[in-house]
Amino acid sequence: MDRDLISIDISKSQIIAAVKKMEKEQREDLIEDLIAEASPGYLESIREAREDYRQGRVFSHDEVFESACLRG
């Protein structure tokens, strides 16, 4: 048996109740952490987006939605 493993009996409803008690920012942080753990590409996509931003590879809100409207 793995010595670093801790087993806790907790139901989904208990987890949901605990999450509901969190402040909005805490909930958002938890959700982001869960997505990061569940999706290996998630953190890489954030790194890429930040690099794009640093390099100026960005579009304004108007550019994005004007383009989308033109495509129909």
N, C-alpha and C. Protein backbone atom coordinates (compact mmCIF):
# COMPACT_ATOMS: atom_id res chain seq x y z
N MET A 1 0.84 -1.19 0.00
CA MET A 1 0.00 0.00 0.00
C MET A 1 0.88 1.25 0.00
N ASP A 2 0.48 2.24 -0.77
CA ASP A 2 1.22 3.50 -0.89
C ASP A 2 1.11 4.30 0.40
N ARG A 3 2.25 4.63 1.02
CA ARG A 3 2.25 5.36 2.30
C ARG A 3 1.78 6.80 2.14
N ASP A 4 1.84 7.36 0.91
CA ASP A 4 1.42 8.74 0.69
C ASP A 4 -0.09 8.85 0.41
N LEU A 5 -0.77 7.73 0.32
CA LEU A 5 -2.18 7.72 -0.01
C LEU A 5 -3.03 7.92 1.24
N ILE A 6 -3.96 8.84 1.14
CA ILE A 6 -4.91 9.06 2.22
C ILE A 6 -6.29 8.79 1.65
N SER A 7 -7.06 7.98 2.32
CA SER A 7 -8.39 7.64 1.87
C SER A 7 -9.43 8.31 2.78
N ILE A 8 -10.35 9.02 2.15
CA ILE A 8 -11.39 9.71 2.90
C ILE A 8 -12.74 9.34 2.30
N ASP A 9 -13.67 8.94 3.13
CA ASP A 9 -15.02 8.66 2.67
C ASP A 9 -15.81 9.96 2.68
N ILE A 10 -16.13 10.45 1.47
CA ILE A 10 -16.90 11.68 1.35
C ILE A 10 -17.80 11.56 0.12
N SER A 11 -19.03 11.99 0.27
CA SER A 11 -19.98 11.86 -0.83
C SER A 11 -19.92 13.09 -1.74
N LYS A 12 -20.50 12.93 -2.93
CA LYS A 12 -20.57 14.06 -3.85
C LYS A 12 -21.38 15.20 -3.23
N SER A 13 -22.44 14.86 -2.53
CA SER A 13 -23.27 15.91 -1.93
C SER A 13 -22.49 16.69 -0.86
N GLN A 14 -21.60 16.02 -0.15
CA GLN A 14 -20.76 16.72 0.83
C GLN A 14 -19.77 17.67 0.14
N ILE A 15 -19.22 17.21 -0.96
CA ILE A 15 -18.30 18.06 -1.72
C ILE A 15 -19.05 19.27 -2.26
N ILE A 16 -20.21 19.04 -2.83
CA ILE A 16 -21.02 20.13 -3.38
C ILE A 16 -21.38 21.14 -2.29
N ALA A 17 -21.77 20.64 -1.14
CA ALA A 17 -22.11 21.54 -0.02
C ALA A 17 -20.90 22.38 0.39
N ALA A 18 -19.73 21.77 0.42
CA ALA A 18 -18.52 22.50 0.79
C ALA A 18 -18.18 23.56 -0.26
N VAL A 19 -18.34 23.21 -1.52
CA VAL A 19 -18.04 24.16 -2.60
C VAL A 19 -19.01 25.33 -2.56
N LYS A 20 -20.27 25.06 -2.26
CA LYS A 20 -21.27 26.13 -2.18
C LYS A 20 -20.95 27.13 -1.07
N LYS A 21 -20.24 26.69 -0.05
CA LYS A 21 -19.87 27.58 1.06
C LYS A 21 -18.67 28.47 0.72
N MET A 22 -17.97 28.15 -0.36
CA MET A 22 -16.78 28.92 -0.74
C MET A 22 -17.17 30.28 -1.30
N GLU A 23 -16.25 31.23 -1.16
CA GLU A 23 -16.41 32.52 -1.82
C GLU A 23 -16.24 32.30 -3.32
N LYS A 24 -16.78 33.22 -4.11
CA LYS A 24 -16.74 33.08 -5.57
C LYS A 24 -15.32 32.86 -6.09
N GLU A 25 -14.37 33.66 -5.62
CA GLU A 25 -12.99 33.53 -6.10
C GLU A 25 -12.40 32.16 -5.75
N GLN A 26 -12.72 31.65 -4.57
CA GLN A 26 -12.24 30.32 -4.17
C GLN A 26 -12.82 29.25 -5.08
N ARG A 27 -14.11 29.37 -5.41
CA ARG A 27 -14.75 28.40 -6.32
C ARG A 27 -14.08 28.44 -7.69
N GLU A 28 -13.84 29.65 -8.20
CA GLU A 28 -13.21 29.78 -9.51
C GLU A 28 -11.81 29.17 -9.52
N ASP A 29 -11.06 29.40 -8.45
CA ASP A 29 -9.72 28.81 -8.33
C ASP A 29 -9.79 27.28 -8.30
N LEU A 30 -10.74 26.75 -7.55
CA LEU A 30 -10.91 25.30 -7.46
C LEU A 30 -11.25 24.72 -8.83
N ILE A 31 -12.17 25.36 -9.54
CA ILE A 31 -12.56 24.86 -10.86
C ILE A 31 -11.37 24.89 -11.81
N GLU A 32 -10.61 25.98 -11.77
CA GLU A 32 -9.43 26.05 -12.63
C GLU A 32 -8.43 24.95 -12.29
N ASP A 33 -8.23 24.70 -11.00
CA ASP A 33 -7.31 23.63 -10.59
C ASP A 33 -7.80 22.27 -11.06
N LEU A 34 -9.10 22.02 -10.96
CA LEU A 34 -9.66 20.74 -11.40
C LEU A 34 -9.49 20.56 -12.91
N ILE A 35 -9.75 21.61 -13.66
CA ILE A 35 -9.58 21.53 -15.11
C ILE A 35 -8.12 21.28 -15.46
N ALA A 36 -7.22 21.97 -14.77
CA ALA A 36 -5.79 21.79 -15.04
C ALA A 36 -5.35 20.36 -14.77
N GLU A 37 -5.85 19.78 -13.70
CA GLU A 37 -5.48 18.39 -13.36
C GLU A 37 -6.10 17.39 -14.31
N ALA A 38 -7.30 17.68 -14.80
CA ALA A 38 -8.02 16.73 -15.65
C ALA A 38 -7.65 16.86 -17.13
N SER A 39 -7.08 17.97 -17.52
CA SER A 39 -6.80 18.22 -18.93
C SER A 39 -5.34 18.63 -19.12
N PRO A 40 -4.50 17.70 -19.56
CA PRO A 40 -3.08 18.00 -19.71
C PRO A 40 -2.80 19.19 -20.64
N GLY A 41 -3.62 19.40 -21.64
CA GLY A 41 -3.38 20.48 -22.58
C GLY A 41 -3.82 21.84 -22.08
N TYR A 42 -4.58 21.88 -21.01
CA TYR A 42 -5.13 23.14 -20.50
C TYR A 42 -4.04 24.13 -20.11
N LEU A 43 -3.10 23.69 -19.28
CA LEU A 43 -2.03 24.58 -18.84
C LEU A 43 -1.15 25.02 -20.00
N GLU A 44 -0.91 24.11 -20.93
CA GLU A 44 -0.11 24.46 -22.11
C GLU A 44 -0.84 25.52 -22.93
N SER A 45 -2.16 25.41 -23.05
CA SER A 45 -2.91 26.40 -23.83
C SER A 45 -2.83 27.78 -23.15
N ILE A 46 -2.81 27.81 -21.83
CA ILE A 46 -2.67 29.08 -21.11
C ILE A 46 -1.28 29.67 -21.36
N ARG A 47 -0.25 28.82 -21.31
CA ARG A 47 1.11 29.30 -21.58
C ARG A 47 1.21 29.89 -23.00
N GLU A 48 0.61 29.18 -23.95
CA GLU A 48 0.64 29.66 -25.34
C GLU A 48 -0.10 30.99 -25.47
N ALA A 49 -1.24 31.10 -24.82
CA ALA A 49 -2.03 32.34 -24.89
C ALA A 49 -1.25 33.51 -24.29
N ARG A 50 -0.58 33.26 -23.18
CA ARG A 50 0.20 34.33 -22.55
C ARG A 50 1.38 34.75 -23.43
N GLU A 51 1.99 33.77 -24.08
CA GLU A 51 3.09 34.09 -25.00
C GLU A 51 2.57 34.87 -26.20
N ASP A 52 1.43 34.47 -26.74
CA ASP A 52 0.82 35.22 -27.84
C ASP A 52 0.58 36.67 -27.43
N TYR A 53 0.08 36.86 -26.23
CA TYR A 53 -0.19 38.21 -25.73
C TYR A 53 1.11 39.01 -25.62
N ARG A 54 2.15 38.39 -25.06
CA ARG A 54 3.44 39.08 -24.93
C ARG A 54 4.02 39.46 -26.30
N GLN A 55 3.79 38.61 -27.28
CA GLN A 55 4.32 38.85 -28.62
C GLN A 55 3.42 39.76 -29.46
N GLY A 56 2.30 40.17 -28.89
CA GLY A 56 1.39 41.06 -29.62
C GLY A 56 0.49 40.35 -30.61
N ARG A 57 0.41 39.04 -30.51
CA ARG A 57 -0.45 38.27 -31.41
C ARG A 57 -1.86 38.21 -30.81
N VAL A 58 -2.53 39.36 -30.85
CA VAL A 58 -3.86 39.48 -30.26
C VAL A 58 -4.78 40.23 -31.21
N PHE A 59 -6.07 40.12 -30.98
CA PHE A 59 -7.07 40.82 -31.75
C PHE A 59 -7.98 41.57 -30.79
N SER A 60 -8.48 42.71 -31.23
CA SER A 60 -9.43 43.45 -30.41
C SER A 60 -10.79 42.77 -30.45
N HIS A 61 -11.64 43.14 -29.53
CA HIS A 61 -13.01 42.62 -29.48
C HIS A 61 -13.70 42.90 -30.81
N ASP A 62 -13.57 44.12 -31.30
CA ASP A 62 -14.21 44.49 -32.56
C ASP A 62 -13.69 43.66 -33.73
N GLU A 63 -12.38 43.42 -33.79
CA GLU A 63 -11.81 42.62 -34.88
C GLU A 63 -12.36 41.20 -34.86
N VAL A 64 -12.47 40.62 -33.70
CA VAL A 64 -12.97 39.25 -33.59
C VAL A 64 -14.41 39.16 -34.02
N PHE A 65 -15.24 40.04 -33.48
CA PHE A 65 -16.68 39.93 -33.76
C PHE A 65 -17.07 40.48 -35.11
N GLU A 66 -16.34 41.44 -35.62
CA GLU A 66 -16.59 41.92 -36.99
C GLU A 66 -16.31 40.80 -37.97
N SER A 67 -15.20 40.10 -37.76
CA SER A 67 -14.83 38.99 -38.62
C SER A 67 -15.87 37.88 -38.55
N ALA A 68 -16.34 37.59 -37.36
CA ALA A 68 -17.33 36.52 -37.17
C ALA A 68 -18.64 36.89 -37.86
N CYS A 69 -19.04 38.15 -37.78
CA CYS A 69 -20.28 38.60 -38.41
C CYS A 69 -20.19 38.53 -39.93
N LEU A 70 -19.03 38.84 -40.47
CA LEU A 70 -18.85 38.79 -41.91
C LEU A 70 -18.94 37.36 -42.45
N ARG A 71 -18.50 36.40 -41.63
CA ARG A 71 -18.56 34.99 -42.04
C ARG A 71 -19.99 34.48 -41.99
N GLY A 72 -20.82 35.14 -41.23
CA GLY A 72 -22.23 34.83 -41.19
C GLY A 72 -22.64 33.82 -40.25
